[in-house]
Amino acid sequence: MNHPVAVRALDTFVYRCPLETPVETSFGTMLDRPMVVVRVTDQDGHQGWGEIWCNFPMVGAEHRARLVESVFRAQLVGREFSSPEAAFLALEAGTRVLALQCAEPGPFAQCLSGIDLALWDLCARRAGEPLWRYLGGQSDRIPVYASGLNPTAPERLAGQMAARGYTRFKLKIGFGAERDLANLAALRDTLGESAALMVDVNQGWTLEQARQQLPALNPLGLKWIEEPLLCTAPWSDWRALAGLTDIPVSAGENLMGEQRFHDAIDSGALSILQPDAAKWGGISRGLPLARAINDAGLRYYPHYLGGGIGLLASGHLLAAVGGEGALEVDSNPNPLRTDLAAALNRVEEGVATLGDAPGIGPLDGLAGLEDYRVAGGQ
């Protein structure tokens, strides 16, 4: 595929949407929803849009935007690359020492990911093709699941998502066995036996805590248990945990680097891998990784928690790769998501349709989000 890019401009835009109900996890609480948007313009005026992961810490959005403007812009603008992959490699090499010098490989990887998403969107828009097809996909239909169910009355939000066509639901746990089990019982009572239920510990357990907690979860028919241990825990601990349960074990949103992901694939501990294209790798690294996950007999479920642009890109990546995975869609109200990802607001029997519009699709909703723009971006 021929997709050269000559970059004329690189811009960032920071948004923050306050939350009426904070999002609770086992490691902390989110008081608002941030979004860092990346816009790339080529020498002919074509534009592409991407998004940078920026949920934590609270100042993360402004920090990432300033990294793009102060470091990445000078390395990208005014240069021509044979492809987005070539740009990815050049930016990765050009910022490697800086990322190590300031001990921030994560934020640098996130900025690079958002830029990469924008470059691929630009190429697909320029070609007049939806990104899923431009990347080699055969269908625009993708399964989705409702995520972000808090430990406080999760059945209310889950019931709303079920009414919107969702059939799969993921609950945040790690708040004590009694509360976790009560929430799972409430979800099952509200959603019925046919609903698929998953749980996310958000790295909240030690291996010993897992030994104590898993016996009560094992009979509940859960589709997976996500990040029960620290992402840095040795694979021997992950294998020991997997041996304690028949529940499929998943992880990946907090892994970074090709070697770490390939170690995860080879670990024998995981059934599901969940890389986040706005957090590490974009599409240039994420597409071959997703294919490697499926080829290994595991399942690729893209992680995502942010605004609508990154969510759309993740959906198109899933559609391009295929397999048994589903796209994570946050259940909590957030116009930064719903006003931008219109295609994903329509769900029927757990499936969304991306459509045939060029790139990741129309982003007309950006104009209506100006009230949420804050200082820190272009």
Protein backbone atom coordinates (compact mmCIF):
# COMPACT_ATOMS: atom_id res chain seq x y z
CA MET A 1 0.00 0.00 0.00
CA ASN A 2 1.41 3.37 -1.01
CA HIS A 3 0.75 5.99 1.64
CA PRO A 4 3.47 8.67 1.79
CA VAL A 5 2.90 11.67 4.05
CA ALA A 6 4.49 15.11 3.91
CA VAL A 7 3.56 16.95 7.10
CA ARG A 8 2.85 20.68 7.04
CA ALA A 9 1.31 21.15 10.49
CA LEU A 10 0.81 19.34 13.80
CA ASP A 11 -1.70 20.75 16.31
CA THR A 12 -3.10 19.66 19.66
CA PHE A 13 -6.35 20.50 21.43
CA VAL A 14 -7.11 19.79 25.10
CA TYR A 15 -10.64 19.20 26.39
CA ARG A 16 -12.03 18.47 29.86
CA CYS A 17 -15.56 17.41 30.67
CA PRO A 18 -16.63 17.41 34.36
CA LEU A 19 -18.35 14.31 35.70
CA GLU A 20 -21.49 14.34 37.80
CA THR A 21 -20.55 10.88 39.08
CA PRO A 22 -16.79 10.34 39.50
CA VAL A 23 -15.39 7.13 38.03
CA GLU A 24 -14.07 4.85 40.78
CA THR A 25 -11.32 2.29 40.33
CA SER A 26 -9.36 0.20 42.82
CA PHE A 27 -6.41 2.61 42.45
CA GLY A 28 -8.15 6.01 42.37
CA THR A 29 -10.99 8.22 41.21
CA MET A 30 -11.46 10.26 38.04
CA LEU A 31 -13.20 13.59 38.61
CA ASP A 32 -13.44 14.56 34.94
CA ARG A 33 -12.96 13.17 31.46
CA PRO A 34 -9.97 14.65 29.58
CA MET A 35 -9.15 14.37 25.88
CA VAL A 36 -6.08 15.40 23.90
CA VAL A 37 -6.80 15.61 20.18
CA VAL A 38 -4.03 15.59 17.57
CA ARG A 39 -4.53 17.06 14.10
CA VAL A 40 -2.02 16.44 11.33
CA THR A 41 -2.15 18.42 8.06
CA ASP A 42 -0.22 17.41 4.97
CA GLN A 43 1.25 19.65 2.26
CA ASP A 44 -1.94 19.38 0.18
CA GLY A 45 -4.22 20.36 3.04
CA HIS A 46 -5.52 16.89 3.89
CA GLN A 47 -6.08 16.38 7.61
CA GLY A 48 -6.11 13.44 9.97
CA TRP A 49 -7.19 13.16 13.60
CA GLY A 50 -5.84 11.16 16.51
CA GLU A 51 -6.08 11.05 20.28
CA ILE A 52 -3.50 10.67 23.06
CA TRP A 53 -4.23 8.65 26.22
CA CYS A 54 -4.18 11.11 29.13
CA ASN A 55 -6.45 9.92 31.98
CA PHE A 56 -3.91 9.99 34.82
CA PRO A 57 -2.65 12.01 36.57
CA MET A 58 -5.19 14.84 36.50
CA VAL A 59 -2.68 17.16 34.80
CA GLY A 60 -1.81 14.52 32.20
CA ALA A 61 -3.75 16.03 29.31
CA GLU A 62 -1.97 19.38 29.33
CA HIS A 63 1.36 17.65 29.84
CA ARG A 64 0.94 15.41 26.79
CA ALA A 65 -0.17 18.31 24.60
CA ARG A 66 2.90 20.31 25.57
CA LEU A 67 5.16 17.35 24.85
CA VAL A 68 3.75 17.18 21.33
CA GLU A 69 4.20 20.91 20.79
CA SER A 70 7.67 21.21 22.32
CA VAL A 71 9.27 17.92 21.21
CA PHE A 72 7.38 16.06 18.47
CA ARG A 73 6.31 19.00 16.31
CA ALA A 74 9.87 19.94 15.36
CA GLN A 75 10.65 16.33 14.42
CA LEU A 76 7.56 15.87 12.24
CA VAL A 77 6.61 19.13 10.55
CA GLY A 78 8.32 19.90 7.27
CA ARG A 79 9.37 16.30 6.67
CA GLU A 80 8.17 13.70 4.21
CA PHE A 81 7.82 10.04 5.12
CA SER A 82 7.13 7.03 2.95
CA SER A 83 4.36 5.86 5.28
CA PRO A 84 2.94 6.37 8.78
CA GLU A 85 5.11 3.44 9.90
CA ALA A 86 8.20 5.27 8.66
CA ALA A 87 7.13 8.38 10.57
CA PHE A 88 6.55 6.27 13.68
CA LEU A 89 10.04 4.79 13.48
CA ALA A 90 11.63 8.19 12.90
CA LEU A 91 9.83 9.83 15.82
CA GLU A 92 10.49 6.86 18.08
CA ALA A 93 14.21 7.01 17.30
CA GLY A 94 14.31 10.79 17.53
CA THR A 95 12.76 10.91 21.00
CA ARG A 96 14.22 7.76 22.59
CA VAL A 97 16.98 9.52 24.52
CA LEU A 98 14.66 12.32 25.63
CA ALA A 99 12.13 9.81 26.98
CA LEU A 100 14.87 8.10 28.97
CA GLN A 101 16.49 11.35 30.08
CA CYS A 102 13.27 12.59 31.71
CA ALA A 103 12.20 9.08 32.80
CA GLU A 104 8.88 9.41 30.92
CA PRO A 105 8.74 6.61 28.35
CA GLY A 106 4.99 6.28 28.94
CA PRO A 107 3.95 9.85 28.06
CA PHE A 108 6.30 9.86 25.08
CA ALA A 109 4.80 6.58 23.82
CA GLN A 110 1.29 7.99 24.27
CA CYS A 111 2.11 11.13 22.27
CA LEU A 112 3.63 9.04 19.50
CA SER A 113 0.54 6.81 19.48
CA GLY A 114 -1.84 9.74 19.03
CA ILE A 115 0.25 11.18 16.21
CA ASP A 116 0.33 7.79 14.52
CA LEU A 117 -3.46 7.47 14.72
CA ALA A 118 -3.77 10.89 13.07
CA LEU A 119 -1.40 9.96 10.24
CA TRP A 120 -3.33 6.79 9.43
CA ASP A 121 -6.62 8.67 9.52
CA LEU A 122 -5.15 11.25 7.14
CA CYS A 123 -4.04 8.56 4.68
CA ALA A 124 -7.43 6.83 4.73
CA ARG A 125 -9.32 10.12 4.29
CA ARG A 126 -7.05 11.09 1.43
CA ALA A 127 -7.76 7.73 -0.22
CA GLY A 128 -11.51 8.18 0.32
CA GLU A 129 -11.76 4.91 2.25
CA PRO A 130 -12.93 4.08 5.78
CA LEU A 131 -9.94 3.26 7.94
CA TRP A 132 -11.12 -0.29 8.62
CA ARG A 133 -11.09 -1.07 4.89
CA TYR A 134 -7.89 0.90 4.24
CA LEU A 135 -6.19 -1.38 6.79
CA GLY A 136 -7.46 -4.52 5.07
CA GLY A 137 -10.69 -5.25 6.95
CA GLN A 138 -13.64 -7.10 5.43
CA SER A 139 -16.55 -5.83 7.54
CA ASP A 140 -17.50 -2.68 9.44
CA ARG A 141 -19.54 -4.58 12.05
CA ILE A 142 -17.87 -4.88 15.45
CA PRO A 143 -19.06 -6.34 18.77
CA VAL A 144 -18.98 -3.85 21.66
CA TYR A 145 -19.19 -4.10 25.44
CA ALA A 146 -20.21 -1.68 28.20
CA SER A 147 -17.29 -0.76 30.45
CA GLY A 148 -16.70 1.63 33.35
CA LEU A 149 -19.36 0.19 35.67
CA ASN A 150 -18.54 1.69 39.08
CA PRO A 151 -18.87 -0.20 42.38
CA THR A 152 -21.71 2.10 43.48
CA ALA A 153 -25.06 0.82 42.16
CA PRO A 154 -23.57 -0.49 38.87
CA GLU A 155 -26.86 -2.12 37.93
CA ARG A 156 -28.41 1.27 37.19
CA LEU A 157 -25.92 2.21 34.50
CA ALA A 158 -25.79 -1.36 33.22
CA GLY A 159 -29.57 -1.36 32.83
CA GLN A 160 -29.37 1.82 30.77
CA MET A 161 -26.72 0.29 28.52
CA ALA A 162 -28.77 -2.88 28.10
CA ALA A 163 -31.69 -0.74 26.96
CA ARG A 164 -29.35 0.74 24.32
CA GLY A 165 -28.56 -2.66 22.86
CA TYR A 166 -25.55 -3.85 24.87
CA THR A 167 -25.23 -7.50 25.83
CA ARG A 168 -21.75 -7.52 27.45
CA PHE A 169 -20.85 -5.67 30.66
CA LYS A 170 -17.64 -5.16 32.67
CA LEU A 171 -17.68 -4.33 36.38
CA LYS A 172 -14.86 -2.73 38.33
CA ILE A 173 -13.98 -4.85 41.38
CA GLY A 174 -11.22 -4.86 44.00
CA PHE A 175 -13.30 -3.10 46.66
CA GLY A 176 -13.59 -6.05 49.04
CA ALA A 177 -15.19 -9.45 48.46
CA GLU A 178 -18.54 -8.59 50.01
CA ARG A 179 -19.08 -5.47 47.92
CA ASP A 180 -17.78 -7.06 44.73
CA LEU A 181 -20.02 -10.12 45.03
CA ALA A 182 -23.08 -8.03 45.91
CA ASN A 183 -22.51 -5.92 42.80
CA LEU A 184 -22.18 -8.98 40.58
CA ALA A 185 -25.39 -10.40 42.02
CA ALA A 186 -27.18 -7.10 41.37
CA LEU A 187 -25.94 -7.05 37.78
CA ARG A 188 -27.07 -10.61 37.14
CA ASP A 189 -30.46 -9.88 38.67
CA THR A 190 -30.87 -6.77 36.50
CA LEU A 191 -29.44 -8.08 33.24
CA GLY A 192 -30.54 -11.71 33.31
CA GLU A 193 -28.69 -14.94 32.73
CA SER A 194 -27.97 -14.28 29.05
CA ALA A 195 -25.81 -11.20 29.68
CA ALA A 196 -22.04 -11.64 29.47
CA LEU A 197 -20.32 -10.34 32.63
CA MET A 198 -16.62 -9.52 33.03
CA VAL A 199 -14.65 -7.98 35.91
CA ASP A 200 -11.67 -5.61 36.06
CA VAL A 201 -9.45 -5.51 39.15
CA ASN A 202 -7.28 -2.65 37.81
CA GLN A 203 -4.08 -4.25 39.18
CA GLY A 204 -5.66 -4.28 42.65
CA TRP A 205 -4.64 -7.70 44.01
CA THR A 206 -1.55 -9.51 45.11
CA LEU A 207 -1.27 -13.18 44.23
CA GLU A 208 -2.28 -14.08 47.79
CA GLN A 209 -5.35 -11.86 47.58
CA ALA A 210 -6.24 -13.57 44.32
CA ARG A 211 -6.04 -16.95 46.08
CA GLN A 212 -8.53 -15.65 48.62
CA GLN A 213 -10.92 -13.96 46.19
CA LEU A 214 -11.09 -16.31 43.20
CA PRO A 215 -13.00 -19.22 44.80
CA ALA A 216 -16.09 -17.04 45.17
CA LEU A 217 -15.82 -15.74 41.58
CA ASN A 218 -15.15 -19.08 39.90
CA PRO A 219 -18.80 -20.31 39.84
CA LEU A 220 -20.23 -17.07 38.39
CA GLY A 221 -19.64 -17.74 34.70
CA LEU A 222 -17.50 -14.65 34.14
CA LYS A 223 -16.10 -14.16 30.63
CA TRP A 224 -12.81 -12.81 31.92
CA ILE A 225 -10.98 -11.29 34.86
CA GLU A 226 -8.89 -8.28 33.87
CA GLU A 227 -5.60 -7.09 35.38
CA PRO A 228 -5.86 -8.95 38.69
CA LEU A 229 -2.14 -8.36 39.33
CA LEU A 230 0.33 -5.55 38.73
CA CYS A 231 1.35 -5.33 35.09
CA THR A 232 4.96 -5.63 36.29
CA ALA A 233 4.34 -8.87 38.23
CA PRO A 234 6.47 -11.77 36.96
CA TRP A 235 4.80 -14.08 34.47
CA SER A 236 5.26 -16.91 36.97
CA ASP A 237 2.76 -15.12 39.25
CA TRP A 238 0.34 -14.64 36.36
CA ARG A 239 0.61 -18.34 35.47
CA ALA A 240 0.04 -19.28 39.12
CA LEU A 241 -3.09 -17.12 39.17
CA ALA A 242 -4.38 -18.58 35.91
CA GLY A 243 -3.98 -22.02 37.47
CA LEU A 244 -6.37 -21.03 40.26
CA THR A 245 -9.34 -20.36 37.99
CA ASP A 246 -11.17 -21.39 34.84
CA ILE A 247 -12.06 -17.73 34.24
CA PRO A 248 -10.04 -16.43 31.25
CA VAL A 249 -7.38 -13.95 32.39
CA SER A 250 -6.83 -10.71 30.46
CA ALA A 251 -4.33 -7.83 30.51
CA GLY A 252 -2.49 -5.48 28.21
CA GLU A 253 -3.58 -1.87 28.63
CA ASN A 254 -0.53 -1.17 30.80
CA LEU A 255 2.02 -3.16 28.86
CA MET A 256 4.43 -1.21 26.66
CA GLY A 257 6.89 -2.27 24.02
CA GLU A 258 6.95 -5.07 21.48
CA GLN A 259 9.02 -7.40 23.64
CA ARG A 260 6.71 -7.07 26.65
CA PHE A 261 3.67 -7.84 24.49
CA HIS A 262 5.31 -10.81 22.86
CA ASP A 263 6.32 -12.08 26.28
CA ALA A 264 2.67 -11.75 27.27
CA ILE A 265 1.57 -13.74 24.22
CA ASP A 266 4.11 -16.46 25.06
CA SER A 267 3.50 -16.42 28.82
CA GLY A 268 0.80 -19.08 28.89
CA ALA A 269 -1.04 -17.00 31.49
CA LEU A 270 -3.38 -14.91 29.35
CA SER A 271 -6.36 -15.80 27.19
CA ILE A 272 -7.10 -12.21 26.15
CA LEU A 273 -4.76 -9.32 25.35
CA GLN A 274 -5.95 -5.70 25.49
CA PRO A 275 -3.45 -3.21 24.04
CA ASP A 276 -4.57 0.42 23.89
CA ALA A 277 -3.75 2.05 20.55
CA ALA A 278 -3.80 5.56 22.07
CA LYS A 279 -1.44 4.52 24.84
CA TRP A 280 1.20 2.48 23.03
CA GLY A 281 1.86 1.71 19.40
CA GLY A 282 -0.94 3.46 17.55
CA ILE A 283 -1.83 1.54 14.40
CA SER A 284 1.72 1.12 13.10
CA ARG A 285 2.56 -1.14 16.04
CA GLY A 286 -1.00 -2.05 17.03
CA LEU A 287 -2.08 -3.66 13.75
CA PRO A 288 0.69 -6.27 13.57
CA LEU A 289 0.39 -6.86 17.33
CA ALA A 290 -3.35 -7.51 17.10
CA ARG A 291 -2.78 -9.96 14.25
CA ALA A 292 -0.07 -11.71 16.26
CA ILE A 293 -2.49 -12.06 19.20
CA ASN A 294 -5.13 -13.68 17.02
CA ASP A 295 -2.58 -15.85 15.22
CA ALA A 296 -1.38 -17.19 18.60
CA GLY A 297 -4.87 -18.45 19.37
CA LEU A 298 -5.55 -15.72 21.90
CA ARG A 299 -8.22 -13.02 21.63
CA TYR A 300 -7.64 -9.35 20.84
CA TYR A 301 -9.92 -6.98 22.77
CA PRO A 302 -8.74 -3.37 22.33
CA HIS A 303 -8.69 -1.40 25.57
CA TYR A 304 -10.01 2.12 25.43
CA LEU A 305 -11.07 4.80 27.89
CA GLY A 306 -11.09 8.34 26.52
CA GLY A 307 -12.78 10.53 23.91
CA GLY A 308 -14.53 9.64 20.69
CA ILE A 309 -11.62 10.00 18.28
CA GLY A 310 -9.46 7.34 19.92
CA LEU A 311 -12.52 5.15 20.39
CA LEU A 312 -13.33 5.30 16.68
CA ALA A 313 -9.71 4.53 15.76
CA SER A 314 -9.78 1.53 18.11
CA GLY A 315 -13.00 0.31 16.55
CA HIS A 316 -11.59 0.59 13.04
CA LEU A 317 -8.47 -1.29 14.15
CA LEU A 318 -10.62 -4.09 15.57
CA ALA A 319 -12.67 -4.24 12.36
CA ALA A 320 -9.48 -4.43 10.30
CA VAL A 321 -8.08 -7.31 12.36
CA GLY A 322 -11.25 -9.33 12.92
CA GLY A 323 -11.38 -12.24 15.33
CA GLU A 324 -13.59 -12.81 18.36
CA GLY A 325 -12.85 -9.55 20.22
CA ALA A 326 -15.15 -6.67 21.14
CA LEU A 327 -14.57 -2.94 21.55
CA GLU A 328 -14.62 -1.41 25.03
CA VAL A 329 -17.10 1.48 25.32
CA ASP A 330 -17.26 3.48 28.54
CA SER A 331 -20.80 3.55 29.96
CA ASN A 332 -20.46 6.83 31.84
CA PRO A 333 -21.94 9.98 30.26
CA ASN A 334 -19.28 11.85 28.31
CA PRO A 335 -20.03 14.20 25.38
CA LEU A 336 -16.34 14.07 24.40
CA ARG A 337 -17.12 10.50 23.42
CA THR A 338 -20.75 10.45 22.31
CA ASP A 339 -20.66 13.72 20.31
CA LEU A 340 -17.70 12.48 18.28
CA ALA A 341 -18.33 8.75 17.91
CA ALA A 342 -21.84 8.85 16.47
CA ALA A 343 -21.40 5.51 14.71
CA LEU A 344 -20.79 3.82 18.06
CA ASN A 345 -23.89 5.33 19.68
CA ARG A 346 -26.07 2.92 17.71
CA VAL A 347 -25.86 -0.63 19.06
CA GLU A 348 -28.06 -3.55 18.11
CA GLU A 349 -27.75 -6.86 19.95
CA GLY A 350 -24.25 -5.98 21.09
CA VAL A 351 -22.94 -4.93 17.67
CA ALA A 352 -22.08 -1.49 16.21
CA THR A 353 -21.53 -0.52 12.57
CA LEU A 354 -18.69 1.82 11.62
CA GLY A 355 -19.89 2.80 8.14
CA ASP A 356 -18.13 3.70 4.90
CA ALA A 357 -17.18 7.35 5.50
CA PRO A 358 -13.48 8.12 4.86
CA GLY A 359 -10.99 7.72 7.70
CA ILE A 360 -12.51 7.21 11.13
CA GLY A 361 -15.62 9.04 9.92
CA PRO A 362 -17.06 12.55 10.24
CA LEU A 363 -16.07 14.59 13.31
CA ASP A 364 -18.69 17.32 13.02
CA GLY A 365 -19.27 17.09 16.76
CA LEU A 366 -15.95 18.82 17.48
CA ALA A 367 -17.51 22.21 16.78
CA GLY A 368 -20.00 21.72 19.59
CA LEU A 369 -17.35 20.88 22.19
CA GLU A 370 -15.67 24.29 22.36
CA ASP A 371 -17.04 24.90 25.88
CA TYR A 372 -14.89 22.01 27.07
CA ARG A 373 -11.64 23.25 25.51
CA VAL A 374 -9.03 24.37 28.01
CA ALA A 375 -5.62 26.00 27.92
CA GLY A 376 -2.77 23.65 27.28
CA GLY A 377 -3.35 22.81 23.62
CA GLN A 378 -2.95 24.77 20.40
